[in-house]
Protein backbone atom coordinates (compact mmCIF):
# COMPACT_ATOMS: atom_id res chain seq x y z
CA UNK A 1 5.59 1.57 -40.06
CA UNK A 2 3.63 3.92 -37.78
CA UNK A 3 -0.13 3.59 -38.07
CA UNK A 4 -2.30 6.71 -38.33
CA UNK A 5 -5.84 6.05 -37.12
CA UNK A 6 -8.84 6.95 -39.26
CA UNK A 7 -11.82 8.77 -37.69
CA UNK A 8 -13.61 5.42 -37.32
CA UNK A 9 -10.57 3.87 -35.68
CA UNK A 10 -10.25 6.85 -33.33
CA UNK A 11 -13.86 6.34 -32.28
CA UNK A 12 -13.15 2.68 -31.50
CA UNK A 13 -9.97 3.62 -29.64
CA UNK A 14 -11.93 6.08 -27.50
CA UNK A 15 -14.42 3.34 -26.61
CA UNK A 16 -11.72 0.80 -25.71
CA UNK A 17 -9.76 3.33 -23.69
CA UNK A 18 -12.85 4.51 -21.81
CA UNK A 19 -13.52 0.90 -20.81
CA UNK A 20 -9.89 0.42 -19.71
CA UNK A 21 -10.05 3.58 -17.61
CA UNK A 22 -13.26 2.47 -15.89
CA UNK A 23 -11.83 -0.95 -15.08
CA UNK A 24 -8.65 0.57 -13.62
CA UNK A 25 -10.58 3.16 -11.62
CA UNK A 26 -12.92 0.56 -10.13
CA UNK A 27 -10.11 -1.90 -9.45
CA UNK A 28 -7.93 0.66 -7.68
CA UNK A 29 -10.68 1.06 -5.09
CA UNK A 30 -10.39 -2.64 -4.23
CA UNK A 31 -6.68 -2.46 -3.33
CA UNK A 32 -6.73 -2.72 0.46
CA UNK A 33 -4.63 -4.56 3.05
CA UNK A 34 -5.41 -8.28 3.11
CA UNK A 35 -6.63 -8.69 -0.45
CA UNK A 36 -4.78 -11.25 -2.54
CA UNK A 37 -3.42 -10.37 -5.94
CA UNK A 38 -5.32 -13.38 -7.30
CA UNK A 39 -8.47 -11.79 -5.92
CA UNK A 40 -7.64 -8.52 -7.67
CA UNK A 41 -7.03 -10.38 -10.94
CA UNK A 42 -10.39 -12.15 -10.66
CA UNK A 43 -12.08 -8.84 -9.85
CA UNK A 44 -10.50 -7.30 -12.95
CA UNK A 45 -11.93 -10.08 -15.09
CA UNK A 46 -15.39 -9.39 -13.70
CA UNK A 47 -15.05 -5.63 -14.21
CA UNK A 48 -14.04 -6.15 -17.83
CA UNK A 49 -17.17 -8.18 -18.42
CA UNK A 50 -19.25 -5.47 -16.74
CA UNK A 51 -17.71 -2.74 -18.89
CA UNK A 52 -18.01 -4.66 -22.16
CA UNK A 53 -14.40 -5.50 -22.86
CA UNK A 54 -11.93 -8.36 -22.49
CA UNK A 55 -8.35 -8.74 -21.29
CA UNK A 56 -5.64 -8.20 -23.88
CA UNK A 57 -3.06 -9.62 -21.42
CA UNK A 58 -4.65 -13.02 -20.76
CA UNK A 59 -3.12 -15.52 -23.16
CA UNK A 60 -0.58 -13.02 -24.53
CA UNK A 61 2.33 -14.99 -25.97
CA UNK A 62 6.01 -14.04 -25.97
CA UNK A 63 8.24 -16.79 -27.27
CA UNK A 64 7.24 -19.92 -25.38
CA UNK A 65 5.59 -18.03 -22.53
CA UNK A 66 1.85 -17.39 -22.24
CA UNK A 67 0.70 -14.77 -19.75
CA UNK A 68 -1.79 -16.35 -17.30
CA UNK A 69 -3.31 -13.26 -15.66
CA UNK A 70 -6.04 -10.86 -16.76
CA UNK A 71 -4.04 -7.81 -15.70
CA UNK A 72 -0.48 -7.23 -14.51
CA UNK A 73 -0.16 -6.70 -10.75
CA UNK A 74 3.28 -5.68 -9.49
CA UNK A 75 4.13 -5.19 -5.80
CA UNK A 76 6.82 -2.92 -4.37
CA UNK A 77 10.12 -3.92 -6.06
CA UNK A 78 8.28 -5.50 -8.99
CA UNK A 79 8.50 -3.10 -11.92
CA UNK A 80 6.03 -4.63 -14.40
CA UNK A 81 4.24 -7.80 -15.48
CA UNK A 82 3.66 -9.29 -12.03
CA UNK A 83 1.16 -12.16 -11.94
CA UNK A 84 -1.68 -12.40 -9.42
CA UNK A 85 -1.43 -15.35 -7.01
CA UNK A 86 -3.38 -16.47 -3.91
CA UNK A 87 -0.30 -16.20 -1.68
CA UNK A 88 0.69 -12.72 -2.84
CA UNK A 89 -1.17 -10.59 -0.32
CA UNK A 90 -1.38 -6.79 -0.27
CA UNK A 91 -0.03 -5.27 2.97
CA UNK A 92 -0.23 -1.87 4.62
CA UNK A 93 2.48 0.37 3.16
CA UNK A 94 2.73 -1.50 -0.15
CA UNK A 95 2.95 0.00 -3.61
CA UNK A 96 0.66 -1.92 -5.97
CA UNK A 97 1.02 -1.25 -9.69
CA UNK A 98 -2.03 -2.17 -11.76
CA UNK A 99 -1.54 -2.40 -15.53
CA UNK A 100 -4.91 -2.82 -17.25
CA UNK A 101 -4.97 -3.55 -20.99
CA UNK A 102 -8.31 -4.35 -22.59
CA UNK A 103 -9.66 -5.10 -26.06
CA UNK A 104 -13.02 -3.78 -27.22
CA UNK A 105 -14.40 -3.90 -30.75
CA UNK A 106 -10.98 -4.93 -32.05
CA UNK A 107 -8.98 -2.09 -30.44
CA UNK A 108 -6.80 -1.75 -27.36
CA UNK A 109 -7.10 0.50 -24.32
CA UNK A 110 -3.98 0.56 -22.10
CA UNK A 111 -3.46 2.31 -18.76
CA UNK A 112 -1.65 1.80 -15.47
CA UNK A 113 -1.45 3.27 -11.99
CA UNK A 114 0.55 2.63 -8.83
CA UNK A 115 -1.72 2.55 -5.79
CA UNK A 116 -0.31 3.51 -2.40
CA UNK A 117 -1.78 1.26 0.29
CA UNK A 118 -2.39 3.12 3.51
CA UNK A 119 0.63 4.89 4.99
CA UNK A 120 3.66 4.32 2.77
CA UNK A 121 7.26 5.39 3.30
CA UNK A 122 7.80 9.09 2.43
CA UNK A 123 10.34 8.30 -0.31
CA UNK A 124 7.96 5.76 -1.88
CA UNK A 125 5.13 8.29 -1.83
CA UNK A 126 7.32 10.92 -3.48
CA UNK A 127 8.39 8.41 -6.12
CA UNK A 128 4.74 7.81 -7.05
CA UNK A 129 3.92 11.52 -7.15
CA UNK A 130 6.96 12.31 -9.28
CA UNK A 131 6.35 9.43 -11.69
CA UNK A 132 2.76 10.52 -12.29
CA UNK A 133 3.93 14.11 -12.74
CA UNK A 134 6.52 12.93 -15.28
CA UNK A 135 3.79 11.12 -17.24
CA UNK A 136 1.82 14.35 -17.52
CA UNK A 137 4.96 16.34 -18.39
CA UNK A 138 5.52 13.97 -21.30
CA UNK A 139 1.91 14.25 -22.44
CA UNK A 140 2.05 18.07 -22.22
CA UNK A 141 5.03 18.10 -24.60
CA UNK A 142 3.06 16.47 -27.44
CA UNK A 143 2.07 18.54 -30.45
CA UNK A 144 1.84 17.76 -34.18
CA UNK A 145 5.31 17.84 -35.69
CA UNK A 146 7.17 17.32 -32.42
CA UNK A 147 9.27 14.20 -32.07
CA UNK A 148 9.36 11.14 -29.85
CA UNK A 149 12.62 12.44 -28.41
CA UNK A 150 10.87 15.62 -27.21
CA UNK A 151 8.37 13.50 -25.28
CA UNK A 152 11.10 11.27 -23.87
CA UNK A 153 13.25 14.23 -22.85
CA UNK A 154 10.31 15.89 -21.08
CA UNK A 155 9.74 12.77 -18.97
CA UNK A 156 13.44 12.48 -18.16
CA UNK A 157 13.70 16.16 -17.21
CA UNK A 158 10.72 15.90 -14.87
CA UNK A 159 12.34 12.97 -13.06
CA UNK A 160 15.89 14.34 -12.93
CA UNK A 161 15.60 16.26 -9.64
CA UNK A 162 14.68 13.06 -7.78
CA UNK A 163 17.76 11.16 -8.95
CA UNK A 164 15.59 8.14 -9.77
CA UNK A 165 16.45 5.14 -11.90
CA UNK A 166 14.49 5.35 -15.16
CA UNK A 167 13.88 1.82 -16.44
CA UNK A 168 15.40 1.26 -19.88
CA UNK A 169 14.42 -2.35 -20.51
CA UNK A 170 10.74 -1.44 -21.01
CA UNK A 171 9.34 1.57 -22.87
CA UNK A 172 6.08 3.10 -24.06
CA UNK A 173 4.76 2.31 -27.51
CA UNK A 174 2.21 2.88 -30.20
CA UNK A 175 -1.12 1.13 -29.70
CA UNK A 176 -4.21 0.30 -31.76
CA UNK A 177 -5.35 -3.06 -33.06
CA UNK A 178 -2.27 -4.51 -31.37
CA UNK A 179 -1.05 -3.93 -27.84
CA UNK A 180 2.44 -3.01 -29.05
CA UNK A 181 2.88 -0.99 -32.22
CA UNK A 182 5.46 1.48 -33.49
CA UNK A 183 6.91 3.83 -32.40
CA UNK A 184 8.75 2.84 -29.26
CA UNK A 185 8.74 5.62 -26.66
CA UNK A 186 11.60 5.54 -24.15
CA UNK A 187 11.24 7.47 -20.90
CA UNK A 188 14.62 9.11 -21.51
CA UNK A 189 16.07 10.70 -24.61
CA UNK A 190 17.23 13.72 -26.55
CA UNK A 191 14.86 16.41 -27.75
CA UNK A 192 14.59 16.81 -31.51
CA UNK A 193 15.28 13.15 -32.26
CA UNK A 194 13.14 10.20 -33.26
CA UNK A 195 10.00 9.86 -35.39
CA UNK A 196 7.67 12.81 -35.86
CA UNK A 197 4.38 12.78 -33.99
CA UNK A 198 1.49 13.19 -36.42
CA UNK A 199 -2.28 13.53 -35.99
CA UNK A 200 -3.86 10.09 -35.74
CA UNK A 201 -1.05 8.46 -33.79
CA UNK A 202 -2.20 6.61 -30.66
CA UNK A 203 0.52 6.24 -28.02
CA UNK A 204 0.79 4.41 -24.71
CA UNK A 205 3.06 6.56 -22.58
CA UNK A 206 4.27 4.81 -19.43
CA UNK A 207 7.16 5.93 -17.24
CA UNK A 208 8.47 3.06 -15.09
CA UNK A 209 10.70 4.53 -12.42
CA UNK A 210 12.76 2.96 -9.65
CA UNK A 211 13.76 4.50 -6.35
CA UNK A 212 17.29 3.17 -6.88
CA UNK A 213 19.05 1.58 -9.83
CA UNK A 214 17.33 1.47 -13.23
CA UNK A 215 18.54 -2.11 -13.66
CA UNK A 216 16.09 -4.99 -13.45
CA UNK A 217 16.21 -8.74 -12.94
CA UNK A 218 13.70 -11.25 -14.23
CA UNK A 219 11.86 -13.62 -11.89
CA UNK A 220 11.73 -17.36 -12.46
CA UNK A 221 8.22 -17.08 -13.96
CA UNK A 222 9.76 -15.40 -17.01
CA UNK A 223 7.37 -12.43 -16.77
CA UNK A 224 7.88 -10.47 -13.57
CA UNK A 225 10.58 -7.78 -13.74
CA UNK A 226 12.07 -6.68 -10.40
CA UNK A 227 14.46 -3.90 -9.44
CA UNK A 228 18.00 -5.24 -9.21
CA UNK A 229 18.58 -3.60 -5.80
CA UNK A 230 15.22 -4.50 -4.23
CA UNK A 231 14.03 -0.89 -3.95
CA UNK A 232 10.47 0.04 -4.89
CA UNK A 233 9.24 1.00 -8.34
CA UNK A 234 6.30 3.06 -9.69
CA UNK A 235 4.41 2.85 -12.99
CA UNK A 236 1.83 5.24 -14.47
CA UNK A 237 0.39 5.08 -17.99
CA UNK A 238 -2.14 6.73 -20.28
CA UNK A 239 -3.10 6.06 -23.88
CA UNK A 240 -3.18 9.34 -25.80
CA UNK A 241 -4.09 10.49 -29.29
CA UNK A 242 -2.08 13.06 -31.24
CA UNK A 243 -4.59 15.54 -32.68
CA UNK A 244 -4.44 18.43 -35.15
CA UNK A 245 -4.09 20.86 -32.25
CA UNK A 246 -2.21 18.88 -29.61
CA UNK A 247 -3.09 15.77 -27.65
CA UNK A 248 -6.13 14.00 -26.20
CA UNK A 249 -5.84 11.65 -23.20
CA UNK A 250 -8.06 8.69 -24.04
CA UNK A 251 -7.82 6.88 -20.69
CA UNK A 252 -8.90 9.61 -18.29
CA UNK A 253 -11.15 7.99 -15.63
């Protein structure tokens, strides 16, 4: 069942997404060599309070696991869902993926960005640039009546020249009152397939792309996903709204 947002719900989504974008923008400026990921997580908590929202990640339950952080902070070969810790320190040349999901007035705002710390390896830099470009290629494909497969195929086509590994274990998704709603939105696919995109749909589009293999392995904490070959990964995400005329990005900073 795919939820179509009412005008009131759209207004609340805009508010939540604006708060999420402000938190991510402010937090990205704090990513410097020497900062701990625990420090970034604590800073995110403070920024959420400042911007009138709360973490949708903290206390999130999957099976018997409860997520302990306020945001997800993933370093280098960590794809998604990394947990801030005092001994996980940001270094020059790192890729730091920040996934900020907030709740405000009952609705979710979800966005992510990979921050390049200082001078990074050329192939890592290109990975980040291409992943962000692929996100926007997917968004540009959205129009009323198009299909999820069109969006997925646009992302895949944008990434194809780089020969990257597109992660298949995690995908984008609908979003609203819950963090994860229908439909699921893979970052690969066949045009003309999947559910139709209709005005009122809110979607979290998030290519997760590896420099090498698309395969992942799970860390002992049960949350952190790493690349199977140890090569770096990038992650960019926006929440968007399908409109009568096209698409609106709700999490622009």
